[in-house]
Amino acid sequence: MNEGAGDANPRAVAQALDALRHGWAIRLTGSDGALDLLPAETGYSEPGVTAHCLLISAARAATLKLANQREAATPHEPVLIHGAEPFTLALARELADPALDLSHPLSGPFRADHLDAHDAAVAAMELARLAGILPAYLVMKGADPAVSVDTADLAAFADPSRITIQARARLPVAALAEAEIVAFRARDDLREHVALVIGAQRGDRAPLMRLHSECLTGDVLGSLKCDCGPQLDAALAAMAEEARAGGWGLLLYLRQEGRGIGLINKLRAYELQDQGFDTVEANERLGLPNESRDFPVAARMLDLLGVRAIRLMTNNPAKVAALEAVGVKVLERVPHAPGANAHNERYLATKRDRSGHLL
């Protein structure tokens, strides 16, 4: 859906994300009803405010071992929880945050109720992910929401055709001095994705490409818990070698920290991993998806750059499939050696055993 199509207002989503980060209530409307929601993690309200229902994800509900938890299509599916007593913000936070599971054991009983406004609830889970907060809300009655947003607004906000090239400049890098950086942005989205062209772009030759999601801890701080930093460095070195041999390289650097769950939630997952959970289990305990990267964004960036086919550096066949599903022609999957060390052995094993990486 293009911006301005119908009555969709993608700017309302930007306002809703800002409201959620500030802890203000929002109203979400879908085809089957509306919900007034106060975010459990950041929520701000007058003292004594309570709600009879809490909206959380199916994965989090399963972690809380709700007796009548319904079978969900995905771990990120919304579930409406009813308690014996009204939920306060403090109780909602205890139920939403797995870091509090041991210090604040369940004080139920709770039950999963029928959810009428399902479309609005699904959108609420996605808005929490985009805002980088825990996916849990007090369901308010008679609230005065700061922002009203429709599910059609969210579809328009996510439309990759809204992304345009904003700036480009020569950027000599350590791997190769002949490089250019190109910055992309959608008008209502604060995330700024970039492409780094290594060598001279050629229309007659597919680039050696790496699709790399932002990792502050690995790319910048040198974290040993993942392989992101070494993979980024090795990809740039391989692209430089490709350019010296007459080809060229292309790095797409997407602002999708933690595979799309955000920096704070990624660090929460790290804390859970230190308690013995693997990467997938940690995300599930947070109530967040294990994979929520936006591959249509990458396809749009390639289209704007005039790139029709790529040779993709990855060990993940699912990434190849995801790009091909959004129209990218992947001529070759080029294996990419991971940066293994004593601290990321389990992380790499989880990639191999649970996410299908060829390691």
Protein backbone atom coordinates (compact mmCIF):
# COMPACT_ATOMS: atom_id res chain seq x y z
CA MET A 1 0.00 0.00 0.00
CA ASN A 2 1.50 3.34 -0.98
CA GLU A 3 1.49 6.36 1.30
CA GLY A 4 -1.72 8.25 0.79
CA ALA A 5 -3.57 5.20 -0.57
CA GLY A 6 -7.11 5.12 0.80
CA ASP A 7 -7.37 6.56 4.30
CA ALA A 8 -4.16 4.97 5.64
CA ASN A 9 -1.95 7.25 7.68
CA PRO A 10 1.55 5.84 8.27
CA ARG A 11 2.42 8.93 10.32
CA ALA A 12 -0.04 7.68 12.97
CA VAL A 13 2.23 4.65 13.46
CA ALA A 14 5.25 6.88 14.09
CA GLN A 15 3.17 8.76 16.66
CA ALA A 16 2.03 5.49 18.24
CA LEU A 17 5.61 4.24 18.55
CA ASP A 18 6.58 7.47 20.27
CA ALA A 19 3.59 7.14 22.59
CA LEU A 20 4.51 3.57 23.54
CA ARG A 21 8.10 4.52 24.33
CA HIS A 22 6.79 7.33 26.56
CA GLY A 23 4.29 5.03 28.25
CA TRP A 24 1.08 6.60 26.96
CA ALA A 25 -2.07 4.71 26.04
CA ILE A 26 -2.94 4.13 22.38
CA ARG A 27 -6.09 3.01 20.59
CA LEU A 28 -5.72 0.31 17.94
CA THR A 29 -8.55 -0.40 15.52
CA GLY A 30 -8.86 -3.37 13.19
CA SER A 31 -11.57 -4.91 11.06
CA ASP A 32 -13.01 -6.81 14.05
CA GLY A 33 -12.87 -4.17 16.78
CA ALA A 34 -10.71 -1.76 18.75
CA LEU A 35 -8.51 -1.95 21.85
CA ASP A 36 -7.32 0.80 24.20
CA LEU A 37 -3.89 -0.31 25.41
CA LEU A 38 -1.37 0.90 27.98
CA PRO A 39 2.15 -0.60 27.56
CA ALA A 40 3.10 -2.68 30.60
CA GLU A 41 6.81 -1.92 30.46
CA THR A 42 6.77 1.85 30.02
CA GLY A 43 3.18 2.59 31.09
CA TYR A 44 2.46 5.85 32.80
CA SER A 45 -0.91 6.59 34.38
CA GLU A 46 -2.55 8.04 37.44
CA PRO A 47 -2.03 6.09 40.70
CA GLY A 48 -4.50 3.29 41.26
CA VAL A 49 -5.25 2.64 37.59
CA THR A 50 -6.05 -1.03 36.97
CA ALA A 51 -7.38 -3.21 34.17
CA HIS A 52 -9.24 -6.52 34.16
CA CYS A 53 -7.32 -7.91 31.18
CA LEU A 54 -3.73 -8.12 30.01
CA LEU A 55 -2.66 -8.65 26.40
CA ILE A 56 0.53 -10.70 25.99
CA SER A 57 2.04 -12.99 23.36
CA ALA A 58 1.37 -16.71 23.17
CA ALA A 59 5.04 -17.51 23.85
CA ARG A 60 4.98 -15.48 27.05
CA ALA A 61 1.66 -17.03 28.09
CA ALA A 62 3.17 -20.49 27.59
CA THR A 63 6.17 -19.48 29.71
CA LEU A 64 3.76 -18.44 32.47
CA LYS A 65 2.15 -21.92 32.18
CA LEU A 66 -1.41 -20.71 31.88
CA ALA A 67 -3.61 -23.74 32.40
CA ASN A 68 -6.00 -23.06 29.53
CA GLN A 69 -3.50 -21.57 27.08
CA ARG A 70 -4.96 -22.04 23.60
CA GLU A 71 -2.91 -23.44 20.75
CA ALA A 72 -1.44 -20.48 18.85
CA ALA A 73 -0.41 -20.28 15.20
CA THR A 74 2.83 -18.51 16.12
CA PRO A 75 4.66 -17.69 19.37
CA HIS A 76 3.95 -14.01 18.68
CA GLU A 77 0.18 -14.56 18.49
CA PRO A 78 -1.68 -12.32 20.99
CA VAL A 79 -3.42 -13.80 24.01
CA LEU A 80 -5.90 -12.02 26.29
CA ILE A 81 -5.35 -12.84 29.97
CA HIS A 82 -7.95 -12.40 32.71
CA GLY A 83 -7.02 -12.47 36.39
CA ALA A 84 -8.90 -13.07 39.62
CA GLU A 85 -8.02 -9.52 40.63
CA PRO A 86 -7.53 -6.45 38.41
CA PHE A 87 -4.07 -5.96 36.96
CA THR A 88 -2.01 -3.06 38.23
CA LEU A 89 0.88 -1.72 36.16
CA ALA A 90 3.31 -3.24 38.65
CA LEU A 91 1.75 -6.70 38.28
CA ALA A 92 1.62 -6.33 34.49
CA ARG A 93 5.35 -5.58 34.44
CA GLU A 94 6.09 -8.61 36.60
CA LEU A 95 4.18 -10.83 34.19
CA ALA A 96 5.78 -9.27 31.10
CA ASP A 97 9.44 -9.31 32.12
CA PRO A 98 11.16 -12.72 32.40
CA ALA A 99 13.91 -11.13 34.47
CA LEU A 100 11.33 -10.96 37.27
CA ASP A 101 10.11 -14.56 37.01
CA LEU A 102 12.13 -15.82 39.97
CA SER A 103 11.74 -12.81 42.25
CA HIS A 104 8.01 -12.40 41.52
CA PRO A 105 6.38 -15.83 41.13
CA LEU A 106 2.87 -16.06 39.70
CA SER A 107 0.08 -14.84 41.95
CA GLY A 108 -2.82 -16.01 39.73
CA PRO A 109 -5.02 -17.77 38.88
CA PHE A 110 -5.13 -16.44 35.33
CA ARG A 111 -7.00 -17.67 32.31
CA ALA A 112 -6.87 -17.00 28.58
CA ASP A 113 -10.08 -15.34 27.36
CA HIS A 114 -11.66 -15.05 23.94
CA LEU A 115 -10.17 -12.15 21.98
CA ASP A 116 -12.68 -10.26 19.83
CA ALA A 117 -10.44 -7.54 18.38
CA HIS A 118 -7.88 -10.01 17.03
CA ASP A 119 -6.53 -7.83 14.20
CA ALA A 120 -5.88 -4.93 16.59
CA ALA A 121 -4.17 -7.29 19.05
CA VAL A 122 -1.87 -8.69 16.33
CA ALA A 123 -0.94 -5.13 15.38
CA ALA A 124 -0.24 -4.36 19.04
CA MET A 125 2.35 -7.16 19.17
CA GLU A 126 4.05 -5.73 16.08
CA LEU A 127 4.01 -2.17 17.44
CA ALA A 128 5.67 -3.36 20.65
CA ARG A 129 8.43 -5.00 18.60
CA LEU A 130 8.95 -1.87 16.51
CA ALA A 131 9.05 0.26 19.67
CA GLY A 132 11.57 -2.11 21.26
CA ILE A 133 9.44 -2.77 24.34
CA LEU A 134 8.07 -5.94 25.89
CA PRO A 135 4.87 -7.15 24.14
CA ALA A 136 2.43 -6.73 27.00
CA TYR A 137 -0.41 -4.24 27.53
CA LEU A 138 -3.08 -3.41 30.04
CA VAL A 139 -6.40 -3.47 28.18
CA MET A 140 -8.09 -0.29 29.36
CA LYS A 141 -11.76 0.59 29.48
CA GLY A 142 -12.71 4.20 28.87
CA ALA A 143 -9.11 5.31 28.43
CA ASP A 144 -8.13 8.61 26.85
CA PRO A 145 -5.53 7.37 24.33
CA ALA A 146 -2.76 9.71 23.18
CA VAL A 147 -2.86 8.29 19.66
CA SER A 148 -5.36 6.36 17.54
CA VAL A 149 -3.97 4.05 14.89
CA ASP A 150 -5.57 1.62 12.45
CA THR A 151 -4.17 -1.69 11.22
CA ALA A 152 -4.25 -0.18 7.71
CA ASP A 153 -1.88 2.52 8.97
CA LEU A 154 0.57 -0.16 10.08
CA ALA A 155 0.42 -1.85 6.66
CA ALA A 156 1.18 1.49 5.01
CA PHE A 157 4.02 2.17 7.47
CA ALA A 158 5.60 -1.19 6.63
CA ASP A 159 5.31 -0.68 2.87
CA PRO A 160 8.92 -0.77 1.56
CA SER A 161 8.05 1.44 -1.43
CA ARG A 162 8.08 4.38 0.99
CA ILE A 163 11.86 4.01 1.35
CA THR A 164 13.97 6.35 -0.80
CA ILE A 165 17.65 7.21 -1.17
CA GLN A 166 18.42 10.22 1.02
CA ALA A 167 22.16 10.72 0.57
CA ARG A 168 25.24 9.17 -0.97
CA ALA A 169 28.94 9.95 -0.67
CA ARG A 170 32.41 8.56 -1.31
CA LEU A 171 33.58 6.68 1.80
CA PRO A 172 37.05 5.14 1.77
CA VAL A 173 37.08 2.21 4.22
CA ALA A 174 39.85 0.06 5.63
CA ALA A 175 38.96 -2.84 3.34
CA LEU A 176 39.19 -0.72 0.15
CA ALA A 177 39.54 3.00 -0.46
CA GLU A 178 37.23 2.86 -3.49
CA ALA A 179 33.86 2.71 -1.75
CA GLU A 180 30.60 4.63 -1.66
CA ILE A 181 27.95 4.79 1.06
CA VAL A 182 24.26 5.22 0.25
CA ALA A 183 21.70 6.08 2.94
CA PHE A 184 18.01 5.13 2.80
CA ARG A 185 15.05 6.25 4.88
CA ALA A 186 11.26 6.29 4.90
CA ARG A 187 9.72 9.62 5.87
CA ASP A 188 8.03 8.47 9.07
CA ASP A 189 10.57 5.84 10.15
CA LEU A 190 13.63 6.90 12.17
CA ARG A 191 15.65 3.85 11.08
CA GLU A 192 18.26 4.77 8.47
CA HIS A 193 19.56 1.78 6.50
CA VAL A 194 22.75 2.02 4.47
CA ALA A 195 24.45 0.31 1.55
CA LEU A 196 28.20 0.24 1.10
CA VAL A 197 29.35 -0.24 -2.48
CA ILE A 198 32.85 -1.75 -2.56
CA GLY A 199 34.63 -1.01 -5.85
CA ALA A 200 32.90 0.32 -8.95
CA GLN A 201 29.30 -0.81 -9.46
CA ARG A 202 28.86 -2.77 -12.67
CA GLY A 203 25.62 -3.54 -14.42
CA ASP A 204 27.04 -6.59 -16.21
CA ARG A 205 28.20 -8.42 -13.08
CA ALA A 206 26.26 -9.43 -9.97
CA PRO A 207 27.86 -8.15 -6.78
CA LEU A 208 29.22 -10.28 -3.98
CA MET A 209 26.73 -9.19 -1.34
CA ARG A 210 26.31 -9.44 2.41
CA LEU A 211 22.98 -8.66 4.07
CA HIS A 212 23.99 -7.67 7.59
CA SER A 213 21.66 -6.66 10.39
CA GLU A 214 22.92 -4.08 12.85
CA CYS A 215 24.68 -5.46 15.94
CA LEU A 216 26.04 -2.74 18.19
CA THR A 217 27.56 -5.22 20.63
CA GLY A 218 29.30 -7.30 17.96
CA ASP A 219 30.05 -4.80 15.18
CA VAL A 220 31.20 -1.91 17.39
CA LEU A 221 32.04 -3.23 20.87
CA GLY A 222 33.65 -6.50 19.79
CA SER A 223 31.27 -8.83 21.66
CA LEU A 224 32.33 -12.48 21.74
CA LYS A 225 28.75 -13.70 22.38
CA CYS A 226 27.94 -13.67 18.64
CA ASP A 227 29.78 -13.87 15.32
CA CYS A 228 28.50 -10.59 13.86
CA GLY A 229 31.66 -8.51 14.07
CA PRO A 230 33.97 -11.12 12.51
CA GLN A 231 31.39 -11.87 9.80
CA LEU A 232 31.13 -8.17 8.92
CA ASP A 233 34.91 -7.75 8.74
CA ALA A 234 35.35 -10.95 6.70
CA ALA A 235 32.59 -9.90 4.29
CA LEU A 236 34.20 -6.52 3.62
CA ALA A 237 37.57 -8.17 3.07
CA ALA A 238 36.05 -10.67 0.60
CA MET A 239 34.26 -7.86 -1.26
CA ALA A 240 37.49 -5.90 -1.53
CA GLU A 241 39.20 -8.95 -3.00
CA GLU A 242 36.29 -9.32 -5.44
CA ALA A 243 36.69 -5.69 -6.51
CA ARG A 244 40.42 -6.10 -7.07
CA ALA A 245 39.62 -9.05 -9.35
CA GLY A 246 37.34 -6.93 -11.52
CA GLY A 247 34.02 -7.42 -9.76
CA TRP A 248 32.41 -5.45 -6.96
CA GLY A 249 30.87 -5.91 -3.54
CA LEU A 250 27.76 -4.66 -1.82
CA LEU A 251 26.99 -4.55 1.89
CA LEU A 252 23.40 -3.86 2.96
CA TYR A 253 23.49 -2.78 6.61
CA LEU A 254 19.97 -2.91 8.03
CA ARG A 255 18.99 -1.17 11.26
CA GLN A 256 17.35 -4.27 12.68
CA GLU A 257 19.18 -4.88 15.94
CA GLY A 258 18.69 -8.31 17.48
CA ARG A 259 17.03 -9.70 14.32
CA GLY A 260 14.40 -7.01 14.68
CA ILE A 261 13.64 -7.03 18.44
CA GLY A 262 15.79 -4.01 19.32
CA LEU A 263 18.87 -3.45 21.47
CA ILE A 264 17.21 -3.48 24.91
CA ASN A 265 15.32 -6.69 24.25
CA LYS A 266 18.44 -8.27 22.76
CA LEU A 267 20.32 -7.52 25.98
CA ARG A 268 17.43 -9.01 27.95
CA ALA A 269 17.84 -12.13 25.83
CA TYR A 270 21.55 -12.13 26.68
CA GLU A 271 20.66 -12.12 30.37
CA LEU A 272 18.39 -15.12 29.85
CA GLN A 273 21.13 -16.90 27.90
CA ASP A 274 23.39 -16.47 30.92
CA GLN A 275 20.71 -18.34 32.89
CA GLY A 276 21.03 -21.32 30.53
CA PHE A 277 18.47 -20.64 27.78
CA ASP A 278 19.52 -20.72 24.14
CA THR A 279 18.84 -17.87 21.71
CA VAL A 280 15.45 -19.17 20.58
CA GLU A 281 14.28 -20.00 24.11
CA ALA A 282 15.32 -16.57 25.38
CA ASN A 283 13.26 -14.79 22.74
CA GLU A 284 10.27 -17.01 23.50
CA ARG A 285 10.46 -16.21 27.21
CA LEU A 286 10.42 -12.53 26.28
CA GLY A 287 7.35 -13.17 24.14
CA LEU A 288 9.18 -12.05 21.01
CA PRO A 289 9.76 -13.75 17.63
CA ASN A 290 13.13 -15.35 16.97
CA GLU A 291 13.20 -13.94 13.42
CA SER A 292 11.55 -10.64 12.53
CA ARG A 293 13.94 -9.03 10.09
CA ASP A 294 12.36 -7.04 7.27
CA PHE A 295 13.63 -8.59 4.03
CA PRO A 296 11.37 -6.48 1.76
CA VAL A 297 13.44 -3.49 2.91
CA ALA A 298 16.55 -5.15 1.44
CA ALA A 299 14.71 -5.86 -1.81
CA ARG A 300 13.67 -2.20 -2.04
CA MET A 301 17.25 -1.02 -1.45
CA LEU A 302 18.54 -3.29 -4.21
CA ASP A 303 15.86 -2.03 -6.56
CA LEU A 304 16.77 1.59 -5.88
CA LEU A 305 20.42 0.76 -6.54
CA GLY A 306 19.52 -0.93 -9.83
CA VAL A 307 20.80 -4.34 -8.69
CA ARG A 308 18.90 -7.19 -10.35
CA ALA A 309 20.86 -10.23 -9.16
CA ILE A 310 23.31 -10.99 -6.35
CA ARG A 311 25.79 -13.56 -5.07
CA LEU A 312 24.87 -13.76 -1.40
CA MET A 313 27.39 -14.37 1.37
CA THR A 314 25.51 -16.38 4.00
CA ASN A 315 25.38 -19.71 5.81
CA ASN A 316 21.61 -19.42 6.20
CA PRO A 317 19.48 -21.01 3.44
CA ALA A 318 16.40 -19.37 5.00
CA LYS A 319 17.87 -15.95 4.22
CA VAL A 320 18.25 -16.97 0.57
CA ALA A 321 14.64 -18.17 0.51
CA ALA A 322 13.37 -15.01 2.21
CA LEU A 323 15.10 -12.76 -0.32
CA GLU A 324 13.91 -14.84 -3.27
CA ALA A 325 10.37 -14.68 -1.86
CA VAL A 326 10.42 -10.88 -2.17
CA GLY A 327 11.76 -10.91 -5.72
CA VAL A 328 15.56 -10.86 -5.30
CA LYS A 329 17.43 -13.09 -7.77
CA VAL A 330 20.11 -14.99 -5.82
CA LEU A 331 22.52 -16.50 -8.33
CA GLU A 332 24.72 -18.17 -5.74
CA ARG A 333 24.96 -18.75 -2.01
CA VAL A 334 28.55 -18.08 -1.01
CA PRO A 335 29.51 -19.80 2.28
CA HIS A 336 30.72 -17.41 4.95
CA ALA A 337 32.97 -18.68 7.76
CA PRO A 338 31.69 -17.77 11.24
CA GLY A 339 33.81 -16.07 13.88
CA ALA A 340 33.86 -18.96 16.35
CA ASN A 341 35.27 -18.54 19.85
CA ALA A 342 34.87 -20.07 23.30
CA HIS A 343 32.04 -17.68 24.22
CA ASN A 344 29.73 -18.22 21.24
CA GLU A 345 29.86 -22.02 20.84
CA ARG A 346 26.27 -22.50 22.02
CA TYR A 347 25.07 -19.52 19.98
CA LEU A 348 26.52 -21.06 16.80
CA ALA A 349 25.18 -24.51 17.72
CA THR A 350 21.69 -23.01 18.09
CA LYS A 351 22.04 -21.39 14.67
CA ARG A 352 22.96 -24.77 13.21
CA ASP A 353 20.53 -27.00 15.10
CA ARG A 354 17.45 -24.79 15.49
CA SER A 355 17.71 -22.20 12.69
CA GLY A 356 19.14 -24.36 9.90
CA HIS A 357 22.44 -22.57 9.31
CA LEU A 358 25.01 -24.60 7.41
CA LEU A 359 27.89 -24.50 9.88
